[in-house]
C-alpha atoms as a PDB file:
ATOM      1  CA  MET A   1     -20.269   2.073  10.447  1.00  0.00           C
ATOM      2  CA  GLU A   2     -17.614   4.797  10.219  1.00  0.00           C
ATOM      3  CA  PRO A   3     -15.524   5.323   7.090  1.00  0.00           C
ATOM      4  CA  ASN A   4     -11.865   4.405   7.274  1.00  0.00           C
ATOM      5  CA  ASN A   5      -9.893   7.670   7.506  1.00  0.00           C
ATOM      6  CA  ASN A   6      -6.469   5.993   7.511  1.00  0.00           C
ATOM      7  CA  ASN A   7      -5.998   6.218   3.744  1.00  0.00           C
ATOM      8  CA  ASN A   8      -2.544   7.368   2.716  1.00  0.00           C
ATOM      9  CA  THR A   9      -3.334   8.028  -0.921  1.00  0.00           C
ATOM     10  CA  GLU A  10      -0.859  10.596  -2.068  1.00  0.00           C
ATOM     11  CA  GLY A  11      -1.364  10.030  -5.797  1.00  0.00           C
ATOM     12  CA  THR A  12       1.197   8.994  -8.340  1.00  0.00           C
ATOM     13  CA  ASP A  13       4.845   9.885  -8.130  1.00  0.00           C
ATOM     14  CA  ARG A  14       5.269  11.966 -11.262  1.00  0.00           C
ATOM     15  CA  LYS A  15       9.080  11.796 -11.280  1.00  0.00           C
ATOM     16  CA  LYS A  16       9.001   7.998 -11.249  1.00  0.00           C
ATOM     17  CA  LEU A  17       6.276   8.028 -13.880  1.00  0.00           C
ATOM     18  CA  MET A  18       8.342  10.194 -16.222  1.00  0.00           C
ATOM     19  CA  LYS A  19      11.380   7.984 -15.609  1.00  0.00           C
ATOM     20  CA  GLY A  20       9.306   4.976 -16.654  1.00  0.00           C
ATOM     21  CA  PHE A  21       8.150   6.709 -19.820  1.00  0.00           C
ATOM     22  CA  LYS A  22      11.771   7.578 -20.638  1.00  0.00           C
ATOM     23  CA  PHE A  23      12.657   3.895 -20.352  1.00  0.00           C
ATOM     24  CA  LEU A  24       9.800   3.042 -22.719  1.00  0.00           C
ATOM     25  CA  ALA A  25      10.870   5.736 -25.189  1.00  0.00           C
ATOM     26  CA  GLY A  26      14.407   4.356 -25.197  1.00  0.00           C
ATOM     27  CA  SER A  27      13.103   0.853 -25.665  1.00  0.00           C
ATOM     28  CA  LEU A  28      11.075   1.984 -28.677  1.00  0.00           C
ATOM     29  CA  ILE A  29      14.256   3.120 -30.407  1.00  0.00           C
ATOM     30  CA  LEU A  30      16.048  -0.096 -29.488  1.00  0.00           C
ATOM     31  CA  ALA A  31      13.069  -2.244 -30.474  1.00  0.00           C
ATOM     32  CA  PHE A  32      13.252  -0.947 -34.044  1.00  0.00           C
ATOM     33  CA  SER A  33      17.018  -0.746 -34.467  1.00  0.00           C
ATOM     34  CA  GLY A  34      17.813  -4.200 -33.018  1.00  0.00           C
ATOM     35  CA  PRO A  35      15.755  -6.256 -35.493  1.00  0.00           C
ATOM     36  CA  THR A  36      16.891  -4.014 -38.352  1.00  0.00           C
ATOM     37  CA  ILE A  37      20.523  -4.769 -37.529  1.00  0.00           C
ATOM     38  CA  LEU A  38      19.713  -8.475 -37.153  1.00  0.00           C
ATOM     39  CA  TYR A  39      18.011  -8.480 -40.555  1.00  0.00           C
ATOM     40  CA  SER A  40      21.087  -6.832 -42.047  1.00  0.00           C
ATOM     41  CA  ALA A  41      23.337  -9.428 -40.436  1.00  0.00           C
ATOM     42  CA  PHE A  42      21.288 -12.379 -41.691  1.00  0.00           C
ATOM     43  CA  GLY A  43      21.244 -10.889 -45.176  1.00  0.00           C
ATOM     44  CA  ASN A  44      25.049 -10.795 -45.311  1.00  0.00           C
ATOM     45  CA  ARG A  45      26.082 -14.206 -43.991  1.00  0.00           C
ATOM     46  CA  ASP A  46      29.024 -14.452 -46.349  1.00  0.00           C
ATOM     47  CA  LYS A  47      30.657 -11.191 -45.177  1.00  0.00           C
ATOM     48  CA  PHE A  48      33.440 -11.105 -42.598  1.00  0.00           C
ATOM     49  CA  LEU A  49      31.480  -8.844 -40.214  1.00  0.00           C
ATOM     50  CA  TYR A  50      28.546 -11.267 -39.935  1.00  0.00           C
ATOM     51  CA  ILE A  51      29.288 -12.420 -36.368  1.00  0.00           C
ATOM     52  CA  PRO A  52      30.053  -8.960 -34.862  1.00  0.00           C
ATOM     53  CA  VAL A  53      26.942  -7.414 -36.449  1.00  0.00           C
ATOM     54  CA  LEU A  54      24.852 -10.375 -35.282  1.00  0.00           C
ATOM     55  CA  ILE A  55      26.144  -9.946 -31.720  1.00  0.00           C
ATOM     56  CA  VAL A  56      25.458  -6.197 -31.738  1.00  0.00           C
ATOM     57  CA  GLY A  57      21.933  -6.711 -33.069  1.00  0.00           C
ATOM     58  CA  SER A  58      21.241  -9.384 -30.464  1.00  0.00           C
ATOM     59  CA  LEU A  59      22.514  -7.187 -27.631  1.00  0.00           C
ATOM     60  CA  ILE A  60      20.411  -4.253 -28.802  1.00  0.00           C
ATOM     61  CA  SER A  61      17.317  -6.478 -28.966  1.00  0.00           C
ATOM     62  CA  ILE A  62      17.994  -7.812 -25.462  1.00  0.00           C
ATOM     63  CA  GLY A  63      18.477  -4.220 -24.293  1.00  0.00           C
ATOM     64  CA  ALA A  64      15.067  -3.314 -25.729  1.00  0.00           C
ATOM     65  CA  ILE A  65      13.414  -6.126 -23.771  1.00  0.00           C
ATOM     66  CA  TYR A  66      15.187  -5.024 -20.586  1.00  0.00           C
ATOM     67  CA  CYS A  67      14.163  -1.381 -21.077  1.00  0.00           C
ATOM     68  CA  ILE A  68      10.540  -2.415 -21.622  1.00  0.00           C
ATOM     69  CA  TYR A  69      10.647  -4.440 -18.406  1.00  0.00           C
ATOM     70  CA  LYS A  70      12.227  -1.615 -16.382  1.00  0.00           C
ATOM     71  CA  GLY A  71       9.867   0.968 -17.868  1.00  0.00           C
ATOM     72  CA  VAL A  72       6.727  -0.979 -17.025  1.00  0.00           C
ATOM     73  CA  GLN A  73       8.087  -1.826 -13.575  1.00  0.00           C
ATOM     74  CA  THR A  74       8.896   1.835 -12.862  1.00  0.00           C
ATOM     75  CA  ILE A  75       5.470   2.981 -14.064  1.00  0.00           C
ATOM     76  CA  MET A  76       3.733   0.407 -11.863  1.00  0.00           C
ATOM     77  CA  ARG A  77       5.789   1.536  -8.867  1.00  0.00           C
ATOM     78  CA  ALA A  78       4.882   5.153  -9.583  1.00  0.00           C
ATOM     79  CA  ILE A  79       1.187   4.393  -9.830  1.00  0.00           C
ATOM     80  CA  PHE A  80       0.914   2.097  -6.821  1.00  0.00           C
ATOM     81  CA  ASN A  81       3.472   3.919  -4.601  1.00  0.00           C
ATOM     82  CA  ASP A  82       5.702   0.931  -4.035  1.00  0.00           C
END
């Protein structure tokens, strides 16, 4: 039985891999700042800026989740050459 010589293994795409790690680095910053802002908003419910600060904290937290998703997706595409 002959070995299959039709392998197109070129390795990982390093540019895509670095792009994925940049997404994860950005999400790390957002993942800490979003809950901190939310905690600050919930601690000051009687202030007039409660709703705007709550919205900003929620958007930052959602942005962190999105960046984590895109970072992992980009890393998987870099590794598996999709």
